[in-house]
Amino acid sequence: MKKEVKIILAVCVFLIIAYLAYITIDYLIFAKKTIYEPTAYQRICTDECSKTIASGKTLNSECLLNPINGTDWVCDVAHSPRQAIDNLPENQCSAFREGTAKHFVEVTPECAFVRAV
């Protein structure tokens, strides 16, 4: 086999392994968890999401409440399963990015609860 072909194959194998590792880590960290009783923050976040949609706005991946009523929680819109756009800093709540909020609630663009951390 020519040296160039071996290099191309090695790069392809590396990219496949890196992609599989990314998917595995993303699943382990962001796997949807079942919550049997919604918390007050979940209700506030889903209510705000519903109000925003009712006002005619289309949600994609953005911060809704930053923070939630002066607490250390934020409300963020994200896809389930997550998409690359959800991980962009400009689409995440600044209070969480800056460390003033310690927790977040995520809802889908259709206002379905995803997770609370």
N, C-alpha and C. Protein backbone atom coordinates (compact mmCIF):
# COMPACT_ATOMS: atom_id res chain seq x y z
N MET A 1 0.84 -1.17 0.00
CA MET A 1 0.00 0.00 0.00
C MET A 1 0.89 1.24 0.00
N LYS A 2 0.46 2.24 -0.73
CA LYS A 2 1.25 3.46 -0.78
C LYS A 2 1.15 4.23 0.54
N LYS A 3 2.19 5.00 0.79
CA LYS A 3 2.27 5.76 2.03
C LYS A 3 1.10 6.73 2.17
N GLU A 4 0.67 7.39 1.09
CA GLU A 4 -0.43 8.35 1.14
C GLU A 4 -1.74 7.67 1.52
N VAL A 5 -1.96 6.46 1.01
CA VAL A 5 -3.18 5.73 1.31
C VAL A 5 -3.20 5.34 2.79
N LYS A 6 -2.06 4.93 3.33
CA LYS A 6 -1.98 4.57 4.74
C LYS A 6 -2.28 5.78 5.63
N ILE A 7 -1.77 6.93 5.24
CA ILE A 7 -2.01 8.15 6.01
C ILE A 7 -3.50 8.51 5.98
N ILE A 8 -4.10 8.42 4.82
CA ILE A 8 -5.52 8.74 4.68
C ILE A 8 -6.36 7.77 5.52
N LEU A 9 -6.04 6.49 5.47
CA LEU A 9 -6.75 5.49 6.27
C LEU A 9 -6.58 5.76 7.76
N ALA A 10 -5.37 6.10 8.18
CA ALA A 10 -5.12 6.39 9.59
C ALA A 10 -5.94 7.60 10.05
N VAL A 11 -6.00 8.63 9.23
CA VAL A 11 -6.78 9.83 9.58
C VAL A 11 -8.27 9.48 9.68
N CYS A 12 -8.76 8.68 8.73
CA CYS A 12 -10.17 8.27 8.75
C CYS A 12 -10.49 7.46 10.01
N VAL A 13 -9.64 6.53 10.37
CA VAL A 13 -9.85 5.72 11.57
C VAL A 13 -9.84 6.61 12.80
N PHE A 14 -8.91 7.55 12.86
CA PHE A 14 -8.83 8.47 13.99
C PHE A 14 -10.12 9.29 14.10
N LEU A 15 -10.62 9.82 12.98
CA LEU A 15 -11.84 10.63 13.00
C LEU A 15 -13.05 9.81 13.44
N ILE A 16 -13.12 8.58 13.01
CA ILE A 16 -14.24 7.71 13.42
C ILE A 16 -14.18 7.45 14.92
N ILE A 17 -13.00 7.14 15.42
CA ILE A 17 -12.85 6.88 16.85
C ILE A 17 -13.17 8.14 17.66
N ALA A 18 -12.71 9.30 17.21
CA ALA A 18 -12.99 10.56 17.91
C ALA A 18 -14.49 10.84 17.92
N TYR A 19 -15.16 10.61 16.81
CA TYR A 19 -16.60 10.84 16.72
C TYR A 19 -17.36 9.90 17.67
N LEU A 20 -16.99 8.64 17.69
CA LEU A 20 -17.64 7.67 18.58
C LEU A 20 -17.42 8.05 20.05
N ALA A 21 -16.23 8.51 20.38
CA ALA A 21 -15.96 8.95 21.74
C ALA A 21 -16.83 10.15 22.11
N TYR A 22 -16.97 11.09 21.19
CA TYR A 22 -17.80 12.28 21.43
C TYR A 22 -19.25 11.88 21.68
N ILE A 23 -19.78 11.00 20.84
CA ILE A 23 -21.17 10.56 21.00
C ILE A 23 -21.36 9.86 22.34
N THR A 24 -20.42 9.02 22.71
CA THR A 24 -20.52 8.29 23.98
C THR A 24 -20.50 9.25 25.16
N ILE A 25 -19.57 10.18 25.16
CA ILE A 25 -19.47 11.16 26.25
C ILE A 25 -20.72 12.03 26.30
N ASP A 26 -21.20 12.48 25.14
CA ASP A 26 -22.40 13.31 25.09
C ASP A 26 -23.59 12.56 25.66
N TYR A 27 -23.73 11.29 25.34
CA TYR A 27 -24.84 10.49 25.86
C TYR A 27 -24.72 10.30 27.37
N LEU A 28 -23.53 9.99 27.84
CA LEU A 28 -23.36 9.75 29.28
C LEU A 28 -23.60 11.00 30.10
N ILE A 29 -23.20 12.14 29.59
CA ILE A 29 -23.35 13.38 30.34
C ILE A 29 -24.75 13.95 30.21
N PHE A 30 -25.32 13.89 29.01
CA PHE A 30 -26.58 14.57 28.76
C PHE A 30 -27.76 13.62 28.55
N ALA A 31 -27.65 12.39 29.01
CA ALA A 31 -28.74 11.42 28.84
C ALA A 31 -29.99 11.93 29.56
N LYS A 32 -31.10 11.76 28.91
CA LYS A 32 -32.37 12.21 29.48
C LYS A 32 -32.70 11.35 30.71
N LYS A 33 -33.02 12.01 31.80
CA LYS A 33 -33.36 11.31 33.03
C LYS A 33 -34.86 11.47 33.29
N THR A 34 -35.44 10.42 33.81
CA THR A 34 -36.86 10.45 34.13
C THR A 34 -37.06 11.11 35.49
N ILE A 35 -37.89 12.12 35.51
CA ILE A 35 -38.25 12.80 36.74
C ILE A 35 -39.75 12.58 36.94
N TYR A 36 -40.13 12.05 38.09
CA TYR A 36 -41.52 11.69 38.29
C TYR A 36 -42.38 12.85 38.80
N GLU A 37 -41.79 13.79 39.49
CA GLU A 37 -42.55 14.92 40.00
C GLU A 37 -41.85 16.21 39.58
N PRO A 38 -42.51 17.04 38.79
CA PRO A 38 -41.85 18.28 38.34
C PRO A 38 -41.59 19.23 39.50
N THR A 39 -40.46 19.87 39.45
CA THR A 39 -40.11 20.85 40.49
C THR A 39 -40.72 22.20 40.12
N ALA A 40 -40.65 23.11 41.05
CA ALA A 40 -41.15 24.46 40.78
C ALA A 40 -40.39 25.09 39.63
N TYR A 41 -39.10 24.84 39.55
CA TYR A 41 -38.30 25.42 38.47
C TYR A 41 -38.68 24.84 37.11
N GLN A 42 -38.99 23.56 37.08
CA GLN A 42 -39.44 22.94 35.84
C GLN A 42 -40.74 23.58 35.37
N ARG A 43 -41.66 23.77 36.29
CA ARG A 43 -42.96 24.37 35.94
C ARG A 43 -42.77 25.81 35.46
N ILE A 44 -41.95 26.55 36.17
CA ILE A 44 -41.70 27.95 35.76
C ILE A 44 -41.11 27.98 34.36
N CYS A 45 -40.15 27.11 34.10
CA CYS A 45 -39.47 27.08 32.80
C CYS A 45 -40.43 26.66 31.69
N THR A 46 -41.18 25.59 31.90
CA THR A 46 -42.11 25.14 30.86
C THR A 46 -43.23 26.16 30.64
N ASP A 47 -43.67 26.82 31.72
CA ASP A 47 -44.69 27.87 31.57
C ASP A 47 -44.16 29.04 30.75
N GLU A 48 -42.93 29.46 31.04
CA GLU A 48 -42.33 30.56 30.29
C GLU A 48 -42.17 30.19 28.82
N CYS A 49 -41.77 28.95 28.57
CA CYS A 49 -41.63 28.46 27.20
C CYS A 49 -42.98 28.52 26.48
N SER A 50 -44.02 28.04 27.13
CA SER A 50 -45.36 28.05 26.52
C SER A 50 -45.83 29.47 26.23
N LYS A 51 -45.58 30.39 27.18
CA LYS A 51 -45.96 31.79 26.97
C LYS A 51 -45.22 32.39 25.78
N THR A 52 -43.94 32.05 25.66
CA THR A 52 -43.12 32.58 24.56
C THR A 52 -43.65 32.09 23.22
N ILE A 53 -43.98 30.81 23.14
CA ILE A 53 -44.54 30.25 21.90
C ILE A 53 -45.90 30.86 21.62
N ALA A 54 -46.72 31.02 22.65
CA ALA A 54 -48.05 31.61 22.47
C ALA A 54 -47.97 33.04 21.95
N SER A 55 -46.88 33.73 22.26
CA SER A 55 -46.71 35.11 21.78
C SER A 55 -46.29 35.15 20.30
N GLY A 56 -46.06 33.97 19.71
CA GLY A 56 -45.72 33.91 18.28
C GLY A 56 -44.25 33.71 17.99
N LYS A 57 -43.43 33.61 19.01
CA LYS A 57 -42.00 33.43 18.79
C LYS A 57 -41.67 31.95 18.59
N THR A 58 -40.78 31.66 17.64
CA THR A 58 -40.30 30.31 17.42
C THR A 58 -39.02 30.12 18.21
N LEU A 59 -38.96 29.07 19.00
CA LEU A 59 -37.77 28.79 19.81
C LEU A 59 -36.88 27.79 19.10
N ASN A 60 -35.58 27.95 19.28
CA ASN A 60 -34.64 27.01 18.69
C ASN A 60 -33.68 26.51 19.76
N SER A 61 -32.74 27.33 20.13
CA SER A 61 -31.77 26.98 21.17
C SER A 61 -31.32 28.29 21.79
N GLU A 62 -31.90 28.60 22.94
CA GLU A 62 -31.64 29.91 23.53
C GLU A 62 -31.98 29.91 25.02
N CYS A 63 -31.62 30.97 25.66
CA CYS A 63 -31.92 31.14 27.08
C CYS A 63 -33.28 31.81 27.22
N LEU A 64 -34.12 31.27 28.10
CA LEU A 64 -35.44 31.87 28.34
C LEU A 64 -35.47 32.72 29.60
N LEU A 65 -34.96 32.21 30.69
CA LEU A 65 -34.95 32.95 31.96
C LEU A 65 -33.53 32.92 32.52
N ASN A 66 -32.98 34.10 32.75
CA ASN A 66 -31.56 34.22 33.08
C ASN A 66 -31.35 35.25 34.18
N PRO A 67 -31.51 34.89 35.42
CA PRO A 67 -31.89 33.62 36.04
C PRO A 67 -33.40 33.50 36.20
N ILE A 68 -33.84 32.40 36.80
CA ILE A 68 -35.26 32.21 37.10
C ILE A 68 -35.56 32.96 38.40
N ASN A 69 -36.30 34.04 38.28
CA ASN A 69 -36.77 34.82 39.44
C ASN A 69 -35.70 35.11 40.49
N GLY A 70 -34.51 35.50 40.05
CA GLY A 70 -33.45 35.89 40.98
C GLY A 70 -32.78 34.74 41.73
N THR A 71 -32.99 33.51 41.30
CA THR A 71 -32.39 32.35 41.97
C THR A 71 -31.07 31.98 41.28
N ASP A 72 -30.51 30.84 41.67
CA ASP A 72 -29.30 30.37 40.98
C ASP A 72 -29.66 29.30 39.94
N TRP A 73 -30.88 29.40 39.38
CA TRP A 73 -31.36 28.52 38.32
C TRP A 73 -31.61 29.35 37.06
N VAL A 74 -31.38 28.74 35.89
CA VAL A 74 -31.72 29.37 34.62
C VAL A 74 -32.60 28.41 33.83
N CYS A 75 -33.26 28.94 32.82
CA CYS A 75 -34.12 28.14 31.94
C CYS A 75 -33.58 28.26 30.52
N ASP A 76 -33.26 27.12 29.94
CA ASP A 76 -32.59 27.09 28.64
C ASP A 76 -33.36 26.17 27.69
N VAL A 77 -33.42 26.56 26.41
CA VAL A 77 -34.03 25.73 25.38
C VAL A 77 -32.94 24.93 24.70
N ALA A 78 -33.14 23.61 24.61
CA ALA A 78 -32.18 22.72 23.95
C ALA A 78 -32.95 21.59 23.28
N HIS A 79 -32.33 20.99 22.30
CA HIS A 79 -32.97 19.88 21.58
C HIS A 79 -32.74 18.56 22.30
N SER A 80 -33.63 17.63 22.08
CA SER A 80 -33.48 16.29 22.63
C SER A 80 -33.75 15.29 21.52
N PRO A 81 -32.70 14.63 21.02
CA PRO A 81 -31.32 14.65 21.49
C PRO A 81 -30.64 15.98 21.15
N ARG A 82 -29.58 16.26 21.89
CA ARG A 82 -28.85 17.52 21.72
C ARG A 82 -28.31 17.66 20.31
N GLN A 83 -28.24 18.91 19.87
CA GLN A 83 -27.63 19.24 18.59
C GLN A 83 -26.45 20.15 18.86
N ALA A 84 -25.58 20.27 17.88
CA ALA A 84 -24.37 21.09 18.04
C ALA A 84 -24.72 22.53 18.43
N ILE A 85 -25.82 23.05 17.92
CA ILE A 85 -26.23 24.43 18.21
C ILE A 85 -26.49 24.63 19.70
N ASP A 86 -26.91 23.58 20.40
CA ASP A 86 -27.19 23.68 21.84
C ASP A 86 -25.93 23.93 22.66
N ASN A 87 -24.78 23.54 22.15
CA ASN A 87 -23.53 23.66 22.90
C ASN A 87 -22.80 24.98 22.65
N LEU A 88 -23.33 25.81 21.75
CA LEU A 88 -22.69 27.10 21.49
C LEU A 88 -22.91 28.04 22.67
N PRO A 89 -21.85 28.67 23.16
CA PRO A 89 -21.98 29.56 24.32
C PRO A 89 -23.04 30.65 24.14
N GLU A 90 -23.17 31.19 22.93
CA GLU A 90 -24.15 32.27 22.72
C GLU A 90 -25.60 31.78 22.84
N ASN A 91 -25.81 30.47 22.84
CA ASN A 91 -27.15 29.91 22.99
C ASN A 91 -27.42 29.41 24.40
N GLN A 92 -26.51 29.65 25.31
CA GLN A 92 -26.66 29.22 26.69
C GLN A 92 -26.82 30.45 27.58
N CYS A 93 -27.44 30.26 28.70
CA CYS A 93 -27.69 31.39 29.61
C CYS A 93 -26.38 31.94 30.17
N SER A 94 -26.22 33.24 30.08
CA SER A 94 -24.98 33.88 30.52
C SER A 94 -24.75 33.70 32.02
N ALA A 95 -25.82 33.69 32.81
CA ALA A 95 -25.65 33.51 34.26
C ALA A 95 -25.03 32.15 34.58
N PHE A 96 -25.38 31.13 33.82
CA PHE A 96 -24.79 29.80 34.04
C PHE A 96 -23.35 29.78 33.53
N ARG A 97 -23.11 30.35 32.36
CA ARG A 97 -21.75 30.39 31.79
C ARG A 97 -20.80 31.14 32.72
N GLU A 98 -21.28 32.21 33.32
CA GLU A 98 -20.43 33.06 34.17
C GLU A 98 -20.35 32.55 35.61
N GLY A 99 -21.14 31.55 35.95
CA GLY A 99 -21.06 30.94 37.27
C GLY A 99 -21.96 31.55 38.32
N THR A 100 -22.78 32.55 37.97
CA THR A 100 -23.69 33.12 38.96
C THR A 100 -24.91 32.23 39.18
N ALA A 101 -25.23 31.41 38.20
CA ALA A 101 -26.28 30.39 38.34
C ALA A 101 -25.60 29.03 38.39
N LYS A 102 -26.04 28.19 39.29
CA LYS A 102 -25.41 26.88 39.48
C LYS A 102 -26.23 25.74 38.87
N HIS A 103 -27.49 26.02 38.55
CA HIS A 103 -28.39 24.97 38.07
C HIS A 103 -29.11 25.44 36.81
N PHE A 104 -29.58 24.48 36.02
CA PHE A 104 -30.37 24.84 34.86
C PHE A 104 -31.47 23.83 34.60
N VAL A 105 -32.53 24.33 33.99
CA VAL A 105 -33.62 23.50 33.49
C VAL A 105 -33.57 23.62 31.98
N GLU A 106 -33.65 22.48 31.29
CA GLU A 106 -33.70 22.50 29.83
C GLU A 106 -35.05 22.00 29.37
N VAL A 107 -35.61 22.71 28.39
CA VAL A 107 -36.83 22.30 27.72
C VAL A 107 -36.56 22.28 26.22
N THR A 108 -37.34 21.49 25.51
CA THR A 108 -37.20 21.44 24.05
C THR A 108 -37.83 22.69 23.43
N PRO A 109 -37.60 22.93 22.15
CA PRO A 109 -38.27 24.06 21.49
C PRO A 109 -39.79 23.94 21.50
N GLU A 110 -40.31 22.75 21.81
CA GLU A 110 -41.76 22.54 21.91
C GLU A 110 -42.22 22.58 23.38
N CYS A 111 -41.32 22.92 24.29
CA CYS A 111 -41.58 23.09 25.72
C CYS A 111 -41.69 21.80 26.52
N ALA A 112 -41.21 20.71 25.99
CA ALA A 112 -41.16 19.46 26.76
C ALA A 112 -39.94 19.49 27.68
N PHE A 113 -40.13 19.06 28.91
CA PHE A 113 -39.03 19.02 29.87
C PHE A 113 -37.96 18.04 29.39
N VAL A 114 -36.69 18.44 29.47
CA VAL A 114 -35.58 17.57 29.11
C VAL A 114 -34.85 17.11 30.38
N ARG A 115 -34.36 18.08 31.15
CA ARG A 115 -33.64 17.73 32.38
C ARG A 115 -33.46 18.96 33.26
N ALA A 116 -33.19 18.70 34.53
CA ALA A 116 -32.86 19.76 35.49
C ALA A 116 -31.60 19.31 36.20
N VAL A 117 -30.62 20.19 36.22
CA VAL A 117 -29.32 19.86 36.82
C VAL A 117 -28.93 20.95 37.79
